[in-house]
Amino acid sequence: MGASCATCLAERDFVKEIVMMDVKQGLAEGKALDLRQSAALKRFDTIVYGVTNDYAATADSDVVVITSGIPRKPGMERSDLVATNASIIREVCKQVAFHSHDAIIIVVSNPLDVLCYCAYKSCGFPSNRVMGMSGMLDAARYKSFISEVLNVSTKDIQALILGGHGKTMVPLPRYTTIGGIPIRNLLNEDKVQEAIHRTQLGGEEIINHLGRSGWYAAGAAVCEMVEAIICDQRRVFTACAYLNGEYGYHDIYLGVPVILGKHGIERVIELELDAEDHVRFDVSQKKVRQSLEMLKAMC
């Protein structure tokens, strides 16, 4: 996933330098070398190099993308990864805070909502500078499934998703449009619910095919977020953000719409939710909070 993200960033050609790092000797160096050699063919000037467990090489980074941790495998829930991946995230974030104290952190590792909270507490950065990728990926999957059913371009689909990155996520048909047309004007309710259900199981569907999590869509999702930050685009995205009163929730990371710019999360946007969406959002936050309490008990 890290390599996929680096490839997308390099090809977009809006960042000056990418440092890829891994704990396995030579892995990041080899991937970076391969990617750098594609520059003449894909026509980008981004400098890419790799290092083995050398945080000093990442010093003064503007954005740090964390994909560290073991991936989900068939039969595993994201929450099953809490103990192992939380210890990895804590160490990574302490190093990031020491070497790149002005950086913005984007967490990709699972369980994403809980690990965002872990990263926030570990690095000591303001909450607007620590976020997760989940909403971007989940919305992309939702748009993809709608596109398949309607046989229309994903470019014309706008969609929002709330809640945790998992089976309880909350796609919002009320805020889903195709070329400005509400989705329920184009799809019957059974098809809408089918797209929602498939989105909620989107990661699991890939794992059942590959035996592990996917990476292309996730890498592209992170790339969009990094571009919004580096280029101060103030894009409206769904991201995993810290809530401290928004939507009535406190001290928790959840997927919500935000404005993303050079300072990170510039604003959390609070939507009007109908009774059904509010109930589903509450179920989702309770599921995330269960894993969060598990994390706190380990610390």
Protein backbone atom coordinates (compact mmCIF):
# COMPACT_ATOMS: atom_id res chain seq x y z
CA MET A 1 0.00 0.00 0.00
CA GLY A 2 2.87 2.36 0.78
CA ALA A 3 4.43 1.67 -2.60
CA SER A 4 1.10 2.23 -4.34
CA CYS A 5 0.71 5.58 -2.60
CA ALA A 6 4.29 6.60 -3.45
CA THR A 7 3.75 5.69 -7.10
CA CYS A 8 0.58 7.77 -7.31
CA LEU A 9 2.28 10.74 -5.65
CA ALA A 10 5.35 10.56 -7.88
CA GLU A 11 3.29 10.36 -11.06
CA ARG A 12 1.16 13.36 -10.04
CA ASP A 13 4.45 15.32 -9.84
CA PHE A 14 3.35 17.90 -7.24
CA VAL A 15 5.75 16.94 -4.43
CA LYS A 16 9.49 17.55 -4.49
CA GLU A 17 10.68 14.45 -2.65
CA ILE A 18 9.32 11.12 -1.41
CA VAL A 19 11.12 8.99 1.16
CA MET A 20 9.99 5.37 1.41
CA MET A 21 10.94 3.56 4.62
CA ASP A 22 10.60 -0.03 5.79
CA VAL A 23 12.08 -2.17 8.55
CA LYS A 24 12.99 -4.93 6.10
CA GLN A 25 16.51 -4.43 4.78
CA GLY A 26 16.63 -3.28 1.16
CA LEU A 27 12.88 -3.43 0.49
CA ALA A 28 12.22 0.33 0.41
CA GLU A 29 15.50 0.98 -1.41
CA GLY A 30 14.61 -1.50 -4.14
CA LYS A 31 11.07 -0.25 -4.63
CA ALA A 32 12.22 3.36 -4.67
CA LEU A 33 14.90 2.57 -7.24
CA ASP A 34 12.38 0.81 -9.46
CA LEU A 35 9.93 3.71 -9.15
CA ARG A 36 12.62 6.32 -9.81
CA GLN A 37 13.63 4.52 -12.99
CA SER A 38 10.09 4.88 -14.31
CA ALA A 39 10.34 8.69 -14.19
CA ALA A 40 11.74 9.03 -17.72
CA LEU A 41 8.87 6.93 -19.08
CA LYS A 42 6.07 8.44 -17.02
CA ARG A 43 7.54 11.95 -17.21
CA PHE A 44 7.76 13.07 -13.60
CA ASP A 45 10.54 14.85 -11.71
CA THR A 46 9.68 13.82 -8.15
CA ILE A 47 12.77 12.56 -6.32
CA VAL A 48 12.18 9.14 -4.75
CA TYR A 49 14.52 7.16 -2.53
CA GLY A 50 14.23 4.44 0.09
CA VAL A 51 15.79 3.77 3.49
CA THR A 52 15.77 0.97 6.04
CA ASN A 53 14.49 2.04 9.46
CA ASP A 54 16.22 5.44 9.23
CA TYR A 55 13.87 8.12 10.52
CA ALA A 56 16.56 10.78 10.23
CA ALA A 57 16.20 10.49 6.45
CA THR A 58 12.57 11.58 6.80
CA ALA A 59 13.41 14.73 8.82
CA ASP A 60 11.31 17.85 8.21
CA SER A 61 8.64 16.01 6.23
CA ASP A 62 5.53 18.04 5.44
CA VAL A 63 3.28 14.96 5.36
CA VAL A 64 3.89 11.50 6.81
CA VAL A 65 1.79 8.58 5.59
CA ILE A 66 1.78 5.60 7.95
CA THR A 67 1.01 2.23 6.39
CA SER A 68 3.00 0.23 8.97
CA GLY A 69 1.54 -2.87 10.56
CA ILE A 70 0.35 -6.35 9.74
CA PRO A 71 -2.47 -6.53 7.14
CA ARG A 72 -5.87 -8.12 7.62
CA LYS A 73 -6.23 -11.72 6.46
CA PRO A 74 -9.32 -13.84 5.75
CA GLY A 75 -11.53 -14.25 8.80
CA MET A 76 -9.93 -11.36 10.69
CA GLU A 77 -11.78 -8.29 11.89
CA ARG A 78 -9.97 -4.96 11.83
CA SER A 79 -10.20 -4.93 15.64
CA ASP A 80 -8.13 -8.14 15.76
CA LEU A 81 -5.12 -6.04 14.78
CA VAL A 82 -5.33 -3.58 17.69
CA ALA A 83 -2.57 -4.90 19.95
CA THR A 84 0.10 -5.57 17.33
CA ASN A 85 -0.42 -2.52 15.17
CA ALA A 86 -0.91 -0.07 18.06
CA SER A 87 2.58 -0.83 19.39
CA ILE A 88 4.01 -0.22 15.90
CA ILE A 89 2.10 3.05 15.48
CA ARG A 90 3.25 4.36 18.88
CA GLU A 91 6.90 3.86 17.99
CA VAL A 92 6.51 5.33 14.49
CA CYS A 93 4.73 8.43 15.80
CA LYS A 94 7.31 9.10 18.49
CA GLN A 95 10.01 9.07 15.80
CA VAL A 96 7.93 11.27 13.49
CA ALA A 97 7.34 13.81 16.27
CA PHE A 98 11.08 13.95 16.98
CA HIS A 99 12.24 14.32 13.36
CA SER A 100 9.29 16.15 11.74
CA HIS A 101 7.54 18.13 14.46
CA ASP A 102 5.52 20.24 11.98
CA ALA A 103 4.29 17.31 9.89
CA ILE A 104 0.74 16.28 9.14
CA ILE A 105 0.12 12.57 9.73
CA ILE A 106 -2.19 10.41 7.64
CA VAL A 107 -2.84 6.95 9.10
CA VAL A 108 -3.71 4.07 6.77
CA SER A 109 -3.04 1.09 9.06
CA ASN A 110 -5.95 -0.89 10.52
CA PRO A 111 -7.97 -0.71 12.69
CA LEU A 112 -7.81 2.79 11.29
CA ASP A 113 -10.09 4.79 13.60
CA VAL A 114 -8.44 3.39 16.73
CA LEU A 115 -4.92 3.77 15.35
CA CYS A 116 -5.62 7.41 14.48
CA TYR A 117 -6.39 7.96 18.15
CA CYS A 118 -3.21 6.06 19.08
CA ALA A 119 -1.17 8.22 16.70
CA TYR A 120 -2.72 11.42 18.06
CA LYS A 121 -1.86 10.49 21.65
CA SER A 122 1.61 9.23 20.74
CA CYS A 123 2.88 12.17 18.67
CA GLY A 124 1.48 15.05 20.73
CA PHE A 125 0.43 16.98 17.62
CA PRO A 126 -2.79 19.03 17.46
CA SER A 127 -5.70 16.82 16.39
CA ASN A 128 -6.17 18.68 13.09
CA ARG A 129 -2.74 17.40 12.01
CA VAL A 130 -3.51 13.71 12.65
CA MET A 131 -6.11 12.02 10.46
CA GLY A 132 -7.03 8.78 8.73
CA MET A 133 -7.62 7.84 5.12
CA SER A 134 -10.70 5.62 5.57
CA GLY A 135 -13.52 7.88 4.36
CA MET A 136 -11.81 8.55 1.05
CA LEU A 137 -11.42 4.84 0.35
CA ASP A 138 -14.91 3.91 1.52
CA ALA A 139 -16.51 6.65 -0.60
CA ALA A 140 -14.50 5.51 -3.63
CA ARG A 141 -15.77 1.96 -3.18
CA TYR A 142 -19.34 3.22 -2.78
CA LYS A 143 -19.05 5.26 -5.98
CA SER A 144 -17.58 2.27 -7.82
CA PHE A 145 -20.48 0.02 -6.90
CA ILE A 146 -23.06 2.68 -7.83
CA SER A 147 -21.26 3.16 -11.14
CA GLU A 148 -21.51 -0.57 -11.89
CA VAL A 149 -25.25 -0.68 -11.19
CA LEU A 150 -26.14 2.48 -13.13
CA ASN A 151 -23.49 2.11 -15.87
CA VAL A 152 -22.40 5.73 -15.44
CA SER A 153 -19.03 7.39 -14.88
CA THR A 154 -17.72 7.58 -11.32
CA LYS A 155 -16.69 11.16 -12.16
CA ASP A 156 -20.32 12.27 -11.88
CA ILE A 157 -21.01 10.59 -8.53
CA GLN A 158 -20.80 12.53 -5.27
CA ALA A 159 -21.10 10.57 -2.03
CA LEU A 160 -20.46 10.85 1.71
CA ILE A 161 -19.85 8.19 4.34
CA LEU A 162 -19.81 8.58 8.12
CA GLY A 163 -18.56 6.44 10.97
CA GLY A 164 -15.94 3.80 11.51
CA HIS A 165 -13.92 2.07 8.83
CA GLY A 166 -15.66 -1.30 8.89
CA LYS A 167 -18.97 -3.11 8.60
CA THR A 168 -20.83 -0.44 10.58
CA MET A 169 -19.79 2.46 8.32
CA VAL A 170 -22.70 4.68 7.26
CA PRO A 171 -23.02 5.49 3.53
CA LEU A 172 -25.54 8.34 3.16
CA PRO A 173 -27.96 7.95 0.23
CA ARG A 174 -29.53 11.31 1.18
CA TYR A 175 -26.22 12.97 0.32
CA THR A 176 -25.45 10.78 -2.72
CA THR A 177 -26.00 12.29 -6.17
CA ILE A 178 -25.22 11.44 -9.79
CA GLY A 179 -24.68 14.58 -11.82
CA GLY A 180 -26.63 16.45 -9.15
CA ILE A 181 -29.55 13.99 -9.29
CA PRO A 182 -30.38 12.25 -5.96
CA ILE A 183 -29.56 8.55 -6.15
CA ARG A 184 -33.05 7.49 -5.15
CA ASN A 185 -34.39 9.16 -8.29
CA LEU A 186 -32.32 6.72 -10.34
CA LEU A 187 -32.18 3.53 -8.26
CA ASN A 188 -34.86 1.66 -6.35
CA GLU A 189 -34.33 1.16 -2.63
CA ASP A 190 -33.23 -2.48 -2.96
CA LYS A 191 -30.39 -1.47 -5.30
CA VAL A 192 -29.40 1.43 -3.02
CA GLN A 193 -29.19 -0.91 -0.02
CA GLU A 194 -27.26 -3.45 -2.09
CA ALA A 195 -24.62 -0.81 -2.90
CA ILE A 196 -24.45 0.19 0.77
CA HIS A 197 -24.02 -3.40 1.93
CA ARG A 198 -21.32 -4.12 -0.62
CA THR A 199 -19.48 -0.95 0.45
CA GLN A 200 -19.56 -2.02 4.09
CA LEU A 201 -17.95 -5.32 3.09
CA GLY A 202 -15.70 -3.78 0.43
CA GLY A 203 -12.41 -4.60 2.14
CA GLU A 204 -13.53 -8.11 3.00
CA GLU A 205 -14.47 -8.82 -0.62
CA ILE A 206 -10.91 -8.00 -1.73
CA ILE A 207 -9.38 -10.04 1.10
CA ASN A 208 -11.44 -13.06 0.05
CA HIS A 209 -9.91 -12.81 -3.42
CA LEU A 210 -6.33 -11.88 -2.53
CA GLY A 211 -5.86 -13.27 0.95
CA ARG A 212 -4.92 -9.79 2.19
CA SER A 213 -6.02 -6.15 1.99
CA GLY A 214 -5.95 -4.30 -1.32
CA TRP A 215 -3.68 -1.37 -2.10
CA TYR A 216 -4.42 0.44 -5.39
CA ALA A 217 -7.54 2.29 -4.24
CA ALA A 218 -6.10 3.01 -0.80
CA GLY A 219 -2.92 4.43 -2.32
CA ALA A 220 -4.92 6.66 -4.65
CA ALA A 221 -7.10 7.83 -1.75
CA VAL A 222 -4.07 8.90 0.27
CA CYS A 223 -2.63 10.64 -2.78
CA GLU A 224 -5.76 12.79 -3.09
CA MET A 225 -5.45 13.80 0.56
CA VAL A 226 -1.76 14.64 0.30
CA GLU A 227 -2.39 16.79 -2.77
CA ALA A 228 -5.15 18.70 -0.96
CA ILE A 229 -2.73 19.43 1.89
CA ILE A 230 0.43 20.24 -0.09
CA CYS A 231 -1.43 22.40 -2.62
CA ASP A 232 -3.77 23.93 0.00
CA GLN A 233 -6.81 23.01 -2.09
CA ARG A 234 -9.31 23.11 0.79
CA ARG A 235 -11.08 20.08 -0.64
CA VAL A 236 -14.18 18.63 1.02
CA PHE A 237 -13.41 14.99 1.77
CA THR A 238 -14.59 12.36 4.20
CA ALA A 239 -11.66 11.67 6.51
CA CYS A 240 -11.15 10.00 9.85
CA ALA A 241 -11.02 13.03 12.15
CA TYR A 242 -10.94 13.73 15.87
CA LEU A 243 -14.32 14.66 17.30
CA ASN A 244 -14.63 16.63 20.50
CA GLY A 245 -18.27 17.65 20.54
CA GLU A 246 -19.07 17.46 16.83
CA TYR A 247 -22.09 15.24 16.17
CA GLY A 248 -22.39 14.90 19.97
CA TYR A 249 -19.31 12.67 20.30
CA HIS A 250 -16.19 13.34 22.32
CA ASP A 251 -12.60 12.08 22.34
CA ILE A 252 -12.92 9.71 19.40
CA TYR A 253 -11.80 9.44 15.76
CA LEU A 254 -14.56 8.79 13.20
CA GLY A 255 -15.13 9.30 9.49
CA VAL A 256 -16.80 12.67 8.86
CA PRO A 257 -16.75 15.28 6.06
CA VAL A 258 -13.95 17.81 6.50
CA ILE A 259 -12.26 20.68 4.71
CA LEU A 260 -8.67 19.64 4.02
CA GLY A 261 -5.93 22.20 3.38
CA LYS A 262 -2.37 23.18 4.25
CA HIS A 263 -3.02 23.10 8.00
CA GLY A 264 -4.60 19.66 7.82
CA ILE A 265 -8.23 19.44 8.84
CA GLU A 266 -9.39 23.04 8.61
CA ARG A 267 -12.94 22.25 9.70
CA VAL A 268 -15.23 19.33 10.52
CA ILE A 269 -18.52 19.73 8.65
CA GLU A 270 -21.60 18.73 10.66
CA LEU A 271 -24.41 17.39 8.48
CA GLU A 272 -28.09 17.26 9.27
CA LEU A 273 -28.90 13.60 9.82
CA ASP A 274 -32.33 12.02 9.74
CA ALA A 275 -33.35 9.63 12.52
CA GLU A 276 -32.22 6.50 10.67
CA ASP A 277 -28.79 7.90 9.78
CA HIS A 278 -28.28 9.14 13.33
CA VAL A 279 -29.03 5.69 14.76
CA ARG A 280 -26.64 4.01 12.30
CA PHE A 281 -23.92 6.57 13.06
CA ASP A 282 -24.35 5.95 16.80
CA VAL A 283 -24.04 2.19 16.28
CA SER A 284 -20.84 2.77 14.32
CA GLN A 285 -19.27 5.02 16.95
CA LYS A 286 -20.10 2.52 19.69
CA LYS A 287 -18.29 -0.20 17.71
CA VAL A 288 -15.23 2.03 17.33
CA ARG A 289 -15.35 2.98 21.01
CA GLN A 290 -15.28 -0.70 22.00
CA SER A 291 -11.96 -1.11 20.20
CA LEU A 292 -10.78 2.22 21.60
CA GLU A 293 -11.45 1.05 25.15
CA MET A 294 -9.50 -2.11 24.31
CA LEU A 295 -6.58 0.09 23.20
CA LYS A 296 -6.73 2.24 26.35
CA ALA A 297 -6.69 -0.89 28.51
CA MET A 298 -3.44 -1.96 26.82
CA CYS A 299 -1.67 1.35 27.47
